[in-house]
Amino acid sequence: MPTHHALAQEADAMKRYAITLTRDVHTADDLVQDCMERALRKWTLRRAGVPLRAWLFTMMRNLHVDGWRQAKRRQTESLETMTSPPAIPPTQENHVELNRLLARVMSLPEDQRAALILVSVEGFTYREAAQTLGVPEGTILSRVSRARAALREATAETAPRLRSVT
């Protein structure tokens, strides 16, 4: 029998990952709900030894990919609306910098973004992230490394440059 409490404990992490996948808060909510519903229906099929979060994130990624493929086939949404991050007006300097960082993360290729979020935000091990995304562990290492390098480069480009006084 599914443990509703265990699923509820993963809701925040699922929401963060869903926003990473969908780039839209409302679509992310729908994705989390669909994933929770499927988890409840498929609870008896869950393999022993697979961590709950990894199982849920794998299921969520598969639901997202299936939905994306269906939308692509139907051609109901333009590419621009699928890739534009939500606009949130900043209220102070920290929010501006946070929004810049989020925009940089969201501009990463999907494979790098997903690997970075799983490892750096959600605390997955490289092995767990590899299992969740269905790729070799070395691929996760490479994707996270490339994502971090791209973020460092983007940050260096926008950092204020100090002039030396001579």
C-alpha atoms as a PDB file:
ATOM      1  CA  MET A   1       0.000   0.000   0.000  1.00  0.00           C
ATOM      2  CA  PRO A   2       1.460   3.402  -0.896  1.00  0.00           C
ATOM      3  CA  THR A   3       2.643   5.657   1.837  1.00  0.00           C
ATOM      4  CA  HIS A   4       0.962   8.984   1.175  1.00  0.00           C
ATOM      5  CA  HIS A   5       3.195  10.563   3.812  1.00  0.00           C
ATOM      6  CA  ALA A   6       6.349   9.455   1.978  1.00  0.00           C
ATOM      7  CA  LEU A   7       5.031  10.956  -1.268  1.00  0.00           C
ATOM      8  CA  ALA A   8       4.064  14.190   0.464  1.00  0.00           C
ATOM      9  CA  GLN A   9       7.610  14.525   1.851  1.00  0.00           C
ATOM     10  CA  GLU A  10       8.985  14.498  -1.706  1.00  0.00           C
ATOM     11  CA  ALA A  11       6.546  17.132  -3.029  1.00  0.00           C
ATOM     12  CA  ASP A  12       8.902  20.129  -2.693  1.00  0.00           C
ATOM     13  CA  ALA A  13      11.807  18.339  -4.353  1.00  0.00           C
ATOM     14  CA  MET A  14       9.484  17.133  -7.110  1.00  0.00           C
ATOM     15  CA  LYS A  15       8.250  20.685  -7.693  1.00  0.00           C
ATOM     16  CA  ARG A  16      11.806  22.030  -8.015  1.00  0.00           C
ATOM     17  CA  TYR A  17      12.724  19.307 -10.495  1.00  0.00           C
ATOM     18  CA  ALA A  18       9.494  19.790 -12.436  1.00  0.00           C
ATOM     19  CA  ILE A  19      10.203  23.523 -12.806  1.00  0.00           C
ATOM     20  CA  THR A  20      13.652  22.610 -14.093  1.00  0.00           C
ATOM     21  CA  LEU A  21      12.120  20.311 -16.681  1.00  0.00           C
ATOM     22  CA  THR A  22       9.182  22.460 -17.773  1.00  0.00           C
ATOM     23  CA  ARG A  23      10.496  26.003 -17.215  1.00  0.00           C
ATOM     24  CA  ASP A  24       6.983  26.980 -16.148  1.00  0.00           C
ATOM     25  CA  VAL A  25       5.480  26.948 -12.644  1.00  0.00           C
ATOM     26  CA  HIS A  26       1.945  26.048 -13.739  1.00  0.00           C
ATOM     27  CA  THR A  27       3.064  23.246 -16.039  1.00  0.00           C
ATOM     28  CA  ALA A  28       5.351  22.028 -13.261  1.00  0.00           C
ATOM     29  CA  ASP A  29       2.381  21.807 -10.892  1.00  0.00           C
ATOM     30  CA  ASP A  30       0.534  19.678 -13.436  1.00  0.00           C
ATOM     31  CA  LEU A  31       3.570  17.462 -13.918  1.00  0.00           C
ATOM     32  CA  VAL A  32       3.956  16.910 -10.165  1.00  0.00           C
ATOM     33  CA  GLN A  33       0.274  16.054  -9.862  1.00  0.00           C
ATOM     34  CA  ASP A  34       0.464  13.618 -12.788  1.00  0.00           C
ATOM     35  CA  CYS A  35       3.564  12.011 -11.286  1.00  0.00           C
ATOM     36  CA  MET A  36       1.967  11.653  -7.841  1.00  0.00           C
ATOM     37  CA  GLU A  37      -1.122  10.113  -9.406  1.00  0.00           C
ATOM     38  CA  ARG A  38       0.951   7.645 -11.397  1.00  0.00           C
ATOM     39  CA  ALA A  39       3.069   6.816  -8.343  1.00  0.00           C
ATOM     40  CA  LEU A  40      -0.045   5.931  -6.383  1.00  0.00           C
ATOM     41  CA  ARG A  41      -1.348   3.745  -9.221  1.00  0.00           C
ATOM     42  CA  LYS A  42       2.004   2.020  -9.820  1.00  0.00           C
ATOM     43  CA  TRP A  43       3.158   1.734  -6.206  1.00  0.00           C
ATOM     44  CA  THR A  44       3.065  -2.061  -6.294  1.00  0.00           C
ATOM     45  CA  LEU A  45       5.405  -2.085  -9.319  1.00  0.00           C
ATOM     46  CA  ARG A  46       8.133  -0.147  -7.490  1.00  0.00           C
ATOM     47  CA  ARG A  47      11.358  -2.130  -7.335  1.00  0.00           C
ATOM     48  CA  ALA A  48      12.831  -2.813  -3.908  1.00  0.00           C
ATOM     49  CA  GLY A  49      16.113  -1.056  -3.326  1.00  0.00           C
ATOM     50  CA  VAL A  50      15.375   1.917  -5.587  1.00  0.00           C
ATOM     51  CA  PRO A  51      15.166   5.110  -3.500  1.00  0.00           C
ATOM     52  CA  LEU A  52      11.727   6.730  -3.603  1.00  0.00           C
ATOM     53  CA  ARG A  53      13.016  10.086  -4.863  1.00  0.00           C
ATOM     54  CA  ALA A  54      14.967   8.476  -7.704  1.00  0.00           C
ATOM     55  CA  TRP A  55      11.897   6.434  -8.687  1.00  0.00           C
ATOM     56  CA  LEU A  56       9.687   9.526  -8.646  1.00  0.00           C
ATOM     57  CA  PHE A  57      12.160  11.687 -10.575  1.00  0.00           C
ATOM     58  CA  THR A  58      12.594   8.983 -13.225  1.00  0.00           C
ATOM     59  CA  MET A  59       8.829   8.727 -13.562  1.00  0.00           C
ATOM     60  CA  MET A  60       8.516  12.519 -13.739  1.00  0.00           C
ATOM     61  CA  ARG A  61      11.179  12.794 -16.420  1.00  0.00           C
ATOM     62  CA  ASN A  62       9.449  10.096 -18.475  1.00  0.00           C
ATOM     63  CA  LEU A  63       6.091  11.857 -18.115  1.00  0.00           C
ATOM     64  CA  HIS A  64       7.695  15.127 -19.185  1.00  0.00           C
ATOM     65  CA  VAL A  65       9.351  13.570 -22.230  1.00  0.00           C
ATOM     66  CA  ASP A  66       6.090  11.841 -23.226  1.00  0.00           C
ATOM     67  CA  GLY A  67       4.198  15.123 -22.874  1.00  0.00           C
ATOM     68  CA  TRP A  68       6.817  17.005 -24.859  1.00  0.00           C
ATOM     69  CA  ARG A  69       6.667  14.467 -27.659  1.00  0.00           C
ATOM     70  CA  GLN A  70       2.873  14.664 -27.772  1.00  0.00           C
ATOM     71  CA  ALA A  71       2.969  18.463 -27.887  1.00  0.00           C
ATOM     72  CA  LYS A  72       5.553  18.360 -30.642  1.00  0.00           C
ATOM     73  CA  ARG A  73       3.409  16.006 -32.684  1.00  0.00           C
ATOM     74  CA  ARG A  74       0.311  18.129 -32.258  1.00  0.00           C
ATOM     75  CA  GLN A  75       2.218  21.361 -32.857  1.00  0.00           C
ATOM     76  CA  THR A  76      -0.077  23.126 -30.389  1.00  0.00           C
ATOM     77  CA  GLU A  77       2.579  25.248 -28.739  1.00  0.00           C
ATOM     78  CA  SER A  78       5.249  27.380 -30.296  1.00  0.00           C
ATOM     79  CA  LEU A  79       8.849  26.711 -29.365  1.00  0.00           C
ATOM     80  CA  GLU A  80       9.104  30.206 -27.906  1.00  0.00           C
ATOM     81  CA  THR A  81       6.434  29.596 -25.261  1.00  0.00           C
ATOM     82  CA  MET A  82       7.968  26.248 -24.331  1.00  0.00           C
ATOM     83  CA  THR A  83      11.435  27.674 -23.690  1.00  0.00           C
ATOM     84  CA  SER A  84      10.825  31.086 -22.149  1.00  0.00           C
ATOM     85  CA  PRO A  85      11.449  31.219 -18.404  1.00  0.00           C
ATOM     86  CA  PRO A  86       8.791  32.758 -16.197  1.00  0.00           C
ATOM     87  CA  ALA A  87       9.175  36.524 -15.777  1.00  0.00           C
ATOM     88  CA  ILE A  88       9.293  37.631 -12.157  1.00  0.00           C
ATOM     89  CA  PRO A  89       9.971  41.306 -11.527  1.00  0.00           C
ATOM     90  CA  PRO A  90      12.849  41.680  -9.076  1.00  0.00           C
ATOM     91  CA  THR A  91      12.208  43.664  -5.932  1.00  0.00           C
ATOM     92  CA  GLN A  92      15.771  44.045  -4.742  1.00  0.00           C
ATOM     93  CA  GLU A  93      19.353  43.467  -5.818  1.00  0.00           C
ATOM     94  CA  ASN A  94      19.541  39.886  -4.494  1.00  0.00           C
ATOM     95  CA  HIS A  95      16.493  38.943  -6.523  1.00  0.00           C
ATOM     96  CA  VAL A  96      18.094  40.395  -9.630  1.00  0.00           C
ATOM     97  CA  GLU A  97      21.191  38.260  -9.146  1.00  0.00           C
ATOM     98  CA  LEU A  98      19.104  35.184  -8.310  1.00  0.00           C
ATOM     99  CA  ASN A  99      17.035  35.701 -11.456  1.00  0.00           C
ATOM    100  CA  ARG A 100      20.233  36.022 -13.494  1.00  0.00           C
ATOM    101  CA  LEU A 101      21.527  32.768 -12.059  1.00  0.00           C
ATOM    102  CA  LEU A 102      18.216  31.007 -12.672  1.00  0.00           C
ATOM    103  CA  ALA A 103      18.165  32.312 -16.247  1.00  0.00           C
ATOM    104  CA  ARG A 104      21.693  30.981 -16.758  1.00  0.00           C
ATOM    105  CA  VAL A 105      20.717  27.584 -15.350  1.00  0.00           C
ATOM    106  CA  MET A 106      17.563  27.468 -17.468  1.00  0.00           C
ATOM    107  CA  SER A 107      19.565  28.364 -20.593  1.00  0.00           C
ATOM    108  CA  LEU A 108      21.771  25.289 -20.179  1.00  0.00           C
ATOM    109  CA  PRO A 109      21.023  22.368 -22.492  1.00  0.00           C
ATOM    110  CA  GLU A 110      18.365  20.120 -20.945  1.00  0.00           C
ATOM    111  CA  ASP A 111      20.724  17.202 -20.314  1.00  0.00           C
ATOM    112  CA  GLN A 112      23.226  19.405 -18.458  1.00  0.00           C
ATOM    113  CA  ARG A 113      20.494  21.259 -16.564  1.00  0.00           C
ATOM    114  CA  ALA A 114      18.819  18.049 -15.370  1.00  0.00           C
ATOM    115  CA  ALA A 115      22.124  16.517 -14.235  1.00  0.00           C
ATOM    116  CA  LEU A 116      23.175  19.711 -12.432  1.00  0.00           C
ATOM    117  CA  ILE A 117      19.847  20.062 -10.602  1.00  0.00           C
ATOM    118  CA  LEU A 118      19.771  16.415  -9.526  1.00  0.00           C
ATOM    119  CA  VAL A 119      23.336  16.481  -8.184  1.00  0.00           C
ATOM    120  CA  SER A 120      23.740  20.059  -6.921  1.00  0.00           C
ATOM    121  CA  VAL A 121      20.239  20.948  -5.743  1.00  0.00           C
ATOM    122  CA  GLU A 122      18.542  17.668  -4.935  1.00  0.00           C
ATOM    123  CA  GLY A 123      21.630  16.002  -3.467  1.00  0.00           C
ATOM    124  CA  PHE A 124      21.580  12.902  -5.642  1.00  0.00           C
ATOM    125  CA  THR A 125      24.820  10.971  -5.918  1.00  0.00           C
ATOM    126  CA  TYR A 126      26.247  10.701  -9.412  1.00  0.00           C
ATOM    127  CA  ARG A 127      25.139   7.064  -9.469  1.00  0.00           C
ATOM    128  CA  GLU A 128      21.553   7.944  -8.458  1.00  0.00           C
ATOM    129  CA  ALA A 129      21.393  10.728 -11.033  1.00  0.00           C
ATOM    130  CA  ALA A 130      22.700   8.351 -13.699  1.00  0.00           C
ATOM    131  CA  GLN A 131      20.034   5.786 -12.819  1.00  0.00           C
ATOM    132  CA  THR A 132      17.325   8.456 -12.793  1.00  0.00           C
ATOM    133  CA  LEU A 133      18.301   9.792 -16.225  1.00  0.00           C
ATOM    134  CA  GLY A 134      19.161   6.385 -17.666  1.00  0.00           C
ATOM    135  CA  VAL A 135      22.739   7.225 -18.640  1.00  0.00           C
ATOM    136  CA  PRO A 136      26.187   6.032 -17.503  1.00  0.00           C
ATOM    137  CA  GLU A 137      27.652   7.595 -14.371  1.00  0.00           C
ATOM    138  CA  GLY A 138      30.541   9.095 -16.365  1.00  0.00           C
ATOM    139  CA  THR A 139      28.036  10.923 -18.545  1.00  0.00           C
ATOM    140  CA  ILE A 140      26.563  12.570 -15.439  1.00  0.00           C
ATOM    141  CA  LEU A 141      30.042  13.605 -14.294  1.00  0.00           C
ATOM    142  CA  SER A 142      30.684  15.162 -17.688  1.00  0.00           C
ATOM    143  CA  ARG A 143      27.311  16.927 -17.882  1.00  0.00           C
ATOM    144  CA  VAL A 144      27.618  18.406 -14.398  1.00  0.00           C
ATOM    145  CA  SER A 145      31.163  19.533 -15.123  1.00  0.00           C
ATOM    146  CA  ARG A 146      30.146  21.198 -18.405  1.00  0.00           C
ATOM    147  CA  ALA A 147      27.144  22.852 -16.748  1.00  0.00           C
ATOM    148  CA  ARG A 148      29.260  24.250 -13.919  1.00  0.00           C
ATOM    149  CA  ALA A 149      31.879  25.491 -16.378  1.00  0.00           C
ATOM    150  CA  ALA A 150      29.201  27.225 -18.454  1.00  0.00           C
ATOM    151  CA  LEU A 151      27.785  28.889 -15.337  1.00  0.00           C
ATOM    152  CA  ARG A 152      31.254  30.023 -14.227  1.00  0.00           C
ATOM    153  CA  GLU A 153      31.917  31.444 -17.686  1.00  0.00           C
ATOM    154  CA  ALA A 154      28.568  33.246 -17.804  1.00  0.00           C
ATOM    155  CA  THR A 155      29.132  34.630 -14.310  1.00  0.00           C
ATOM    156  CA  ALA A 156      32.621  35.840 -15.208  1.00  0.00           C
ATOM    157  CA  GLU A 157      31.246  37.636 -18.279  1.00  0.00           C
ATOM    158  CA  THR A 158      28.681  39.601 -16.257  1.00  0.00           C
ATOM    159  CA  ALA A 159      30.779  40.258 -13.155  1.00  0.00           C
ATOM    160  CA  PRO A 160      31.761  43.892 -12.675  1.00  0.00           C
ATOM    161  CA  ARG A 161      35.253  44.541 -13.912  1.00  0.00           C
ATOM    162  CA  LEU A 162      37.539  46.493 -11.631  1.00  0.00           C
ATOM    163  CA  ARG A 163      40.012  48.886 -13.159  1.00  0.00           C
ATOM    164  CA  SER A 164      43.430  48.938 -11.635  1.00  0.00           C
ATOM    165  CA  VAL A 165      44.613  52.241 -10.259  1.00  0.00           C
ATOM    166  CA  THR A 166      48.216  53.016 -11.136  1.00  0.00           C
END
